[in-house]
Amino acid sequence: MIENFDKNYEVCNCIKVTISDIKASIINKGVKTLGDLQEKTRAGTECRHCLMNEGDFGKVKKKIYCKDVLGEFFNG
């Protein structure tokens, strides 16, 4: 699924964290969980709508979530 998105797609609009930023954090900073991602990038620490579909109560739903990027990176 993430291959359908531009690497500069902002997953977290509040902090301006992109798919590319998340991938770099996984590779270079040892991010493995949503908690790690929040700690290393601050993604999902403001409104939290970008973390996962289940927690997205925003007016405009995200097209991809932090959890999706992590899941696809580790699950193939």
N, C-alpha and C. Protein backbone atom coordinates (compact mmCIF):
# COMPACT_ATOMS: atom_id res chain seq x y z
N MET A 1 0.81 -1.20 0.00
CA MET A 1 0.00 0.00 0.00
C MET A 1 0.86 1.26 0.00
N ILE A 2 1.93 1.33 0.81
CA ILE A 2 2.71 2.56 0.87
C ILE A 2 3.43 2.85 -0.44
N GLU A 3 3.62 1.84 -1.27
CA GLU A 3 4.28 2.09 -2.56
C GLU A 3 3.40 2.94 -3.47
N ASN A 4 2.11 3.07 -3.15
CA ASN A 4 1.20 3.89 -3.93
C ASN A 4 1.26 5.37 -3.54
N PHE A 5 2.03 5.69 -2.52
CA PHE A 5 2.13 7.06 -2.03
C PHE A 5 3.51 7.64 -2.33
N ASP A 6 3.53 8.93 -2.59
CA ASP A 6 4.79 9.64 -2.75
C ASP A 6 5.55 9.57 -1.42
N LYS A 7 6.86 9.41 -1.48
CA LYS A 7 7.66 9.28 -0.26
C LYS A 7 7.57 10.54 0.61
N ASN A 8 7.14 11.66 0.03
CA ASN A 8 7.01 12.91 0.78
C ASN A 8 5.59 13.16 1.29
N TYR A 9 4.72 12.14 1.19
CA TYR A 9 3.37 12.26 1.72
C TYR A 9 3.46 12.44 3.24
N GLU A 10 2.82 13.48 3.76
CA GLU A 10 2.85 13.74 5.20
C GLU A 10 1.85 12.84 5.91
N VAL A 11 2.38 11.88 6.64
CA VAL A 11 1.54 11.01 7.45
C VAL A 11 1.06 11.79 8.67
N CYS A 12 1.97 12.53 9.28
CA CYS A 12 1.64 13.37 10.44
C CYS A 12 1.73 14.83 10.01
N ASN A 13 0.56 15.44 9.80
CA ASN A 13 0.52 16.83 9.36
C ASN A 13 0.92 17.81 10.46
N CYS A 14 0.64 17.49 11.70
CA CYS A 14 0.96 18.41 12.80
C CYS A 14 2.46 18.64 12.92
N ILE A 15 3.25 17.57 12.81
CA ILE A 15 4.70 17.64 12.99
C ILE A 15 5.41 17.61 11.63
N LYS A 16 4.67 17.37 10.56
CA LYS A 16 5.23 17.34 9.20
C LYS A 16 6.14 16.13 8.99
N VAL A 17 5.72 14.96 9.47
CA VAL A 17 6.50 13.73 9.31
C VAL A 17 5.99 12.98 8.08
N THR A 18 6.90 12.67 7.18
CA THR A 18 6.55 12.01 5.92
C THR A 18 6.81 10.50 5.98
N ILE A 19 6.35 9.81 4.94
CA ILE A 19 6.63 8.38 4.82
C ILE A 19 8.15 8.17 4.81
N SER A 20 8.85 9.01 4.10
CA SER A 20 10.31 8.93 4.03
C SER A 20 10.94 9.10 5.41
N ASP A 21 10.42 10.03 6.20
CA ASP A 21 10.94 10.24 7.56
C ASP A 21 10.73 9.00 8.43
N ILE A 22 9.58 8.39 8.29
CA ILE A 22 9.28 7.18 9.08
C ILE A 22 10.22 6.05 8.67
N LYS A 23 10.38 5.84 7.37
CA LYS A 23 11.28 4.79 6.90
C LYS A 23 12.71 5.04 7.39
N ALA A 24 13.16 6.27 7.32
CA ALA A 24 14.52 6.60 7.79
C ALA A 24 14.66 6.34 9.27
N SER A 25 13.62 6.62 10.04
CA SER A 25 13.67 6.36 11.48
C SER A 25 13.74 4.88 11.80
N ILE A 26 13.04 4.08 11.00
CA ILE A 26 13.10 2.62 11.18
C ILE A 26 14.51 2.12 10.89
N ILE A 27 15.08 2.59 9.79
CA ILE A 27 16.40 2.12 9.36
C ILE A 27 17.52 2.67 10.24
N ASN A 28 17.48 3.96 10.53
CA ASN A 28 18.61 4.63 11.20
C ASN A 28 18.48 4.80 12.70
N LYS A 29 17.26 4.76 13.22
CA LYS A 29 17.07 5.04 14.65
C LYS A 29 16.48 3.87 15.41
N GLY A 30 16.30 2.73 14.75
CA GLY A 30 15.83 1.53 15.43
C GLY A 30 14.37 1.53 15.81
N VAL A 31 13.55 2.34 15.14
CA VAL A 31 12.12 2.40 15.43
C VAL A 31 11.46 1.08 15.06
N LYS A 32 10.69 0.52 16.01
CA LYS A 32 9.98 -0.74 15.77
C LYS A 32 8.51 -0.67 16.16
N THR A 33 8.16 0.29 17.00
CA THR A 33 6.78 0.40 17.50
C THR A 33 6.28 1.83 17.33
N LEU A 34 4.97 2.00 17.51
CA LEU A 34 4.41 3.36 17.46
C LEU A 34 5.03 4.23 18.55
N GLY A 35 5.26 3.65 19.72
CA GLY A 35 5.89 4.39 20.81
C GLY A 35 7.29 4.87 20.44
N ASP A 36 8.06 3.98 19.82
CA ASP A 36 9.40 4.36 19.34
C ASP A 36 9.30 5.51 18.33
N LEU A 37 8.34 5.38 17.41
CA LEU A 37 8.17 6.39 16.37
C LEU A 37 7.83 7.75 16.98
N GLN A 38 6.95 7.75 17.96
CA GLN A 38 6.59 9.00 18.62
C GLN A 38 7.79 9.61 19.33
N GLU A 39 8.56 8.78 19.97
CA GLU A 39 9.73 9.25 20.71
C GLU A 39 10.79 9.83 19.77
N LYS A 40 11.04 9.16 18.65
CA LYS A 40 12.13 9.56 17.75
C LYS A 40 11.75 10.68 16.79
N THR A 41 10.46 10.73 16.36
CA THR A 41 10.07 11.72 15.35
C THR A 41 9.04 12.73 15.85
N ARG A 42 8.41 12.44 16.96
CA ARG A 42 7.30 13.22 17.51
C ARG A 42 6.00 13.05 16.72
N ALA A 43 6.00 12.20 15.69
CA ALA A 43 4.78 11.93 14.92
C ALA A 43 3.71 11.40 15.86
N GLY A 44 2.50 11.88 15.70
CA GLY A 44 1.39 11.39 16.51
C GLY A 44 1.37 11.89 17.93
N THR A 45 2.14 12.90 18.25
CA THR A 45 2.16 13.40 19.63
C THR A 45 1.28 14.63 19.82
N GLU A 46 0.73 15.16 18.74
CA GLU A 46 -0.16 16.32 18.85
C GLU A 46 -1.61 15.82 18.85
N CYS A 47 -2.27 15.82 17.70
CA CYS A 47 -3.68 15.42 17.65
C CYS A 47 -3.87 13.91 17.70
N ARG A 48 -2.84 13.15 17.34
CA ARG A 48 -2.82 11.68 17.39
C ARG A 48 -3.67 11.00 16.32
N HIS A 49 -4.30 11.74 15.42
CA HIS A 49 -5.15 11.14 14.39
C HIS A 49 -4.36 10.34 13.37
N CYS A 50 -3.05 10.59 13.26
CA CYS A 50 -2.24 9.92 12.25
C CYS A 50 -1.73 8.55 12.69
N LEU A 51 -1.93 8.20 13.93
CA LEU A 51 -1.35 6.95 14.43
C LEU A 51 -2.00 5.71 13.83
N MET A 52 -3.32 5.65 13.85
CA MET A 52 -4.03 4.47 13.34
C MET A 52 -5.45 4.84 12.98
N ASN A 53 -6.01 4.11 12.06
CA ASN A 53 -7.36 4.36 11.58
C ASN A 53 -8.36 4.38 12.74
N GLU A 54 -8.18 3.48 13.69
CA GLU A 54 -9.13 3.37 14.80
C GLU A 54 -9.16 4.62 15.67
N GLY A 55 -8.09 5.39 15.66
CA GLY A 55 -8.01 6.58 16.49
C GLY A 55 -8.18 7.88 15.72
N ASP A 56 -8.55 7.78 14.44
CA ASP A 56 -8.67 8.97 13.62
C ASP A 56 -10.09 9.53 13.72
N PHE A 57 -10.25 10.52 14.59
CA PHE A 57 -11.53 11.18 14.76
C PHE A 57 -11.53 12.58 14.17
N GLY A 58 -10.59 12.84 13.27
CA GLY A 58 -10.47 14.14 12.63
C GLY A 58 -11.57 14.34 11.58
N LYS A 59 -11.73 15.57 11.15
CA LYS A 59 -12.74 15.89 10.14
C LYS A 59 -12.38 15.29 8.79
N VAL A 60 -11.09 15.26 8.47
CA VAL A 60 -10.62 14.68 7.22
C VAL A 60 -9.79 13.45 7.56
N LYS A 61 -10.24 12.30 7.12
CA LYS A 61 -9.54 11.06 7.42
C LYS A 61 -8.24 10.97 6.64
N LYS A 62 -7.21 10.41 7.28
CA LYS A 62 -5.92 10.20 6.62
C LYS A 62 -6.06 9.10 5.59
N LYS A 63 -5.16 9.10 4.61
CA LYS A 63 -5.14 8.04 3.60
C LYS A 63 -4.22 6.90 4.01
N ILE A 64 -3.27 7.20 4.89
CA ILE A 64 -2.34 6.20 5.41
C ILE A 64 -1.92 6.65 6.80
N TYR A 65 -1.65 5.69 7.66
CA TYR A 65 -1.36 5.99 9.06
C TYR A 65 0.03 5.48 9.44
N CYS A 66 0.56 6.01 10.53
CA CYS A 66 1.87 5.58 11.03
C CYS A 66 1.91 4.06 11.22
N LYS A 67 0.84 3.52 11.78
CA LYS A 67 0.75 2.09 12.02
C LYS A 67 0.87 1.31 10.69
N ASP A 68 0.27 1.84 9.62
CA ASP A 68 0.34 1.18 8.31
C ASP A 68 1.76 1.13 7.79
N VAL A 69 2.47 2.26 7.90
CA VAL A 69 3.85 2.32 7.40
C VAL A 69 4.73 1.35 8.17
N LEU A 70 4.60 1.35 9.50
CA LEU A 70 5.38 0.41 10.32
C LEU A 70 5.04 -1.03 9.94
N GLY A 71 3.76 -1.33 9.84
CA GLY A 71 3.32 -2.69 9.52
C GLY A 71 3.84 -3.18 8.19
N GLU A 72 3.78 -2.33 7.19
CA GLU A 72 4.26 -2.74 5.87
C GLU A 72 5.77 -2.89 5.83
N PHE A 73 6.48 -2.06 6.57
CA PHE A 73 7.93 -2.17 6.59
C PHE A 73 8.36 -3.50 7.22
N PHE A 74 7.70 -3.87 8.32
CA PHE A 74 8.11 -5.08 9.05
C PHE A 74 7.44 -6.35 8.54
N ASN A 75 6.30 -6.22 7.87
CA ASN A 75 5.60 -7.40 7.40
C ASN A 75 5.70 -7.60 5.90
N GLY A 76 6.50 -6.81 5.26
CA GLY A 76 6.76 -7.10 3.89
C GLY A 76 6.35 -6.17 2.85
